[in-house]
Amino acid sequence: MALDDRLLDILVCPACRGAVEHKDRRHVILCTECGRRYPVREGIPVMLVEEATPPR
């Protein structure tokens, strides 16, 4: 499920305030700065640091 481009324009990583990008096939929002991956559940990004997968 594709996310609205307007939503992606305003989202930032809550941990480092870095830019994020949507990885549709993996259902995650990826921070391009720190590498945290935030889940997208039922089309809704869960932008909580506690829910993020740490960088590899």
C-alpha atoms as a PDB file:
ATOM      1  CA  MET A   1       0.000   0.000   0.000  1.00  0.00           C
ATOM      2  CA  ALA A   2       1.494   3.303  -1.062  1.00  0.00           C
ATOM      3  CA  LEU A   3       1.603   6.122   1.443  1.00  0.00           C
ATOM      4  CA  ASP A   4       0.418   9.603   0.579  1.00  0.00           C
ATOM      5  CA  ASP A   5       3.289  11.725  -0.743  1.00  0.00           C
ATOM      6  CA  ARG A   6       2.149  14.671   1.401  1.00  0.00           C
ATOM      7  CA  LEU A   7       2.565  12.529   4.515  1.00  0.00           C
ATOM      8  CA  LEU A   8       6.035  11.391   3.469  1.00  0.00           C
ATOM      9  CA  ASP A   9       7.039  15.021   2.903  1.00  0.00           C
ATOM     10  CA  ILE A  10       6.433  15.913   6.557  1.00  0.00           C
ATOM     11  CA  LEU A  11       7.678  12.737   8.277  1.00  0.00           C
ATOM     12  CA  VAL A  12      11.099  12.749   9.944  1.00  0.00           C
ATOM     13  CA  CYS A  13      12.846  10.227  12.144  1.00  0.00           C
ATOM     14  CA  PRO A  14      11.812  10.881  15.747  1.00  0.00           C
ATOM     15  CA  ALA A  15      15.219   9.717  17.015  1.00  0.00           C
ATOM     16  CA  CYS A  16      17.569  11.878  14.936  1.00  0.00           C
ATOM     17  CA  ARG A  17      15.244  14.147  12.903  1.00  0.00           C
ATOM     18  CA  GLY A  18      16.724  12.726   9.694  1.00  0.00           C
ATOM     19  CA  ALA A  19      14.935  12.339   6.379  1.00  0.00           C
ATOM     20  CA  VAL A  20      12.950   9.154   5.805  1.00  0.00           C
ATOM     21  CA  GLU A  21      11.860   7.133   2.791  1.00  0.00           C
ATOM     22  CA  HIS A  22       9.130   4.551   2.369  1.00  0.00           C
ATOM     23  CA  LYS A  23      10.140   1.008   1.413  1.00  0.00           C
ATOM     24  CA  ASP A  24       6.801  -0.325   0.194  1.00  0.00           C
ATOM     25  CA  ARG A  25       7.847  -3.942  -0.393  1.00  0.00           C
ATOM     26  CA  ARG A  26       9.250  -4.248   3.153  1.00  0.00           C
ATOM     27  CA  HIS A  27       6.435  -2.229   4.788  1.00  0.00           C
ATOM     28  CA  VAL A  28       8.852   0.075   6.585  1.00  0.00           C
ATOM     29  CA  ILE A  29       9.844   3.715   6.811  1.00  0.00           C
ATOM     30  CA  LEU A  30      13.648   3.897   6.656  1.00  0.00           C
ATOM     31  CA  CYS A  31      15.648   6.764   8.155  1.00  0.00           C
ATOM     32  CA  THR A  32      18.360   7.754   5.699  1.00  0.00           C
ATOM     33  CA  GLU A  33      20.477   9.271   8.515  1.00  0.00           C
ATOM     34  CA  CYS A  34      20.557   6.762  11.401  1.00  0.00           C
ATOM     35  CA  GLY A  35      19.206   3.659   9.638  1.00  0.00           C
ATOM     36  CA  ARG A  36      16.298   2.935  11.973  1.00  0.00           C
ATOM     37  CA  ARG A  37      13.371   1.151  10.349  1.00  0.00           C
ATOM     38  CA  TYR A  38       9.840   2.029  11.471  1.00  0.00           C
ATOM     39  CA  PRO A  39       7.002  -0.391  10.707  1.00  0.00           C
ATOM     40  CA  VAL A  40       4.008   0.436   8.541  1.00  0.00           C
ATOM     41  CA  ARG A  41       0.936  -1.376   9.832  1.00  0.00           C
ATOM     42  CA  GLU A  42      -2.270  -1.370   7.808  1.00  0.00           C
ATOM     43  CA  GLY A  43      -1.014   1.627   5.850  1.00  0.00           C
ATOM     44  CA  ILE A  44      -0.129   3.652   8.971  1.00  0.00           C
ATOM     45  CA  PRO A  45       3.520   4.464   9.795  1.00  0.00           C
ATOM     46  CA  VAL A  46       4.341   3.716  13.437  1.00  0.00           C
ATOM     47  CA  MET A  47       6.887   6.456  14.115  1.00  0.00           C
ATOM     48  CA  LEU A  48       7.809   5.487  17.679  1.00  0.00           C
ATOM     49  CA  VAL A  49      11.462   4.969  18.611  1.00  0.00           C
ATOM     50  CA  GLU A  50      10.399   2.025  20.794  1.00  0.00           C
ATOM     51  CA  GLU A  51       8.862   0.301  17.744  1.00  0.00           C
ATOM     52  CA  ALA A  52      11.840   0.911  15.443  1.00  0.00           C
ATOM     53  CA  THR A  53      14.300  -1.754  14.397  1.00  0.00           C
ATOM     54  CA  PRO A  54      17.833  -0.542  15.183  1.00  0.00           C
ATOM     55  CA  PRO A  55      20.296   0.002  12.353  1.00  0.00           C
ATOM     56  CA  ARG A  56      22.257  -3.026  11.154  1.00  0.00           C
END
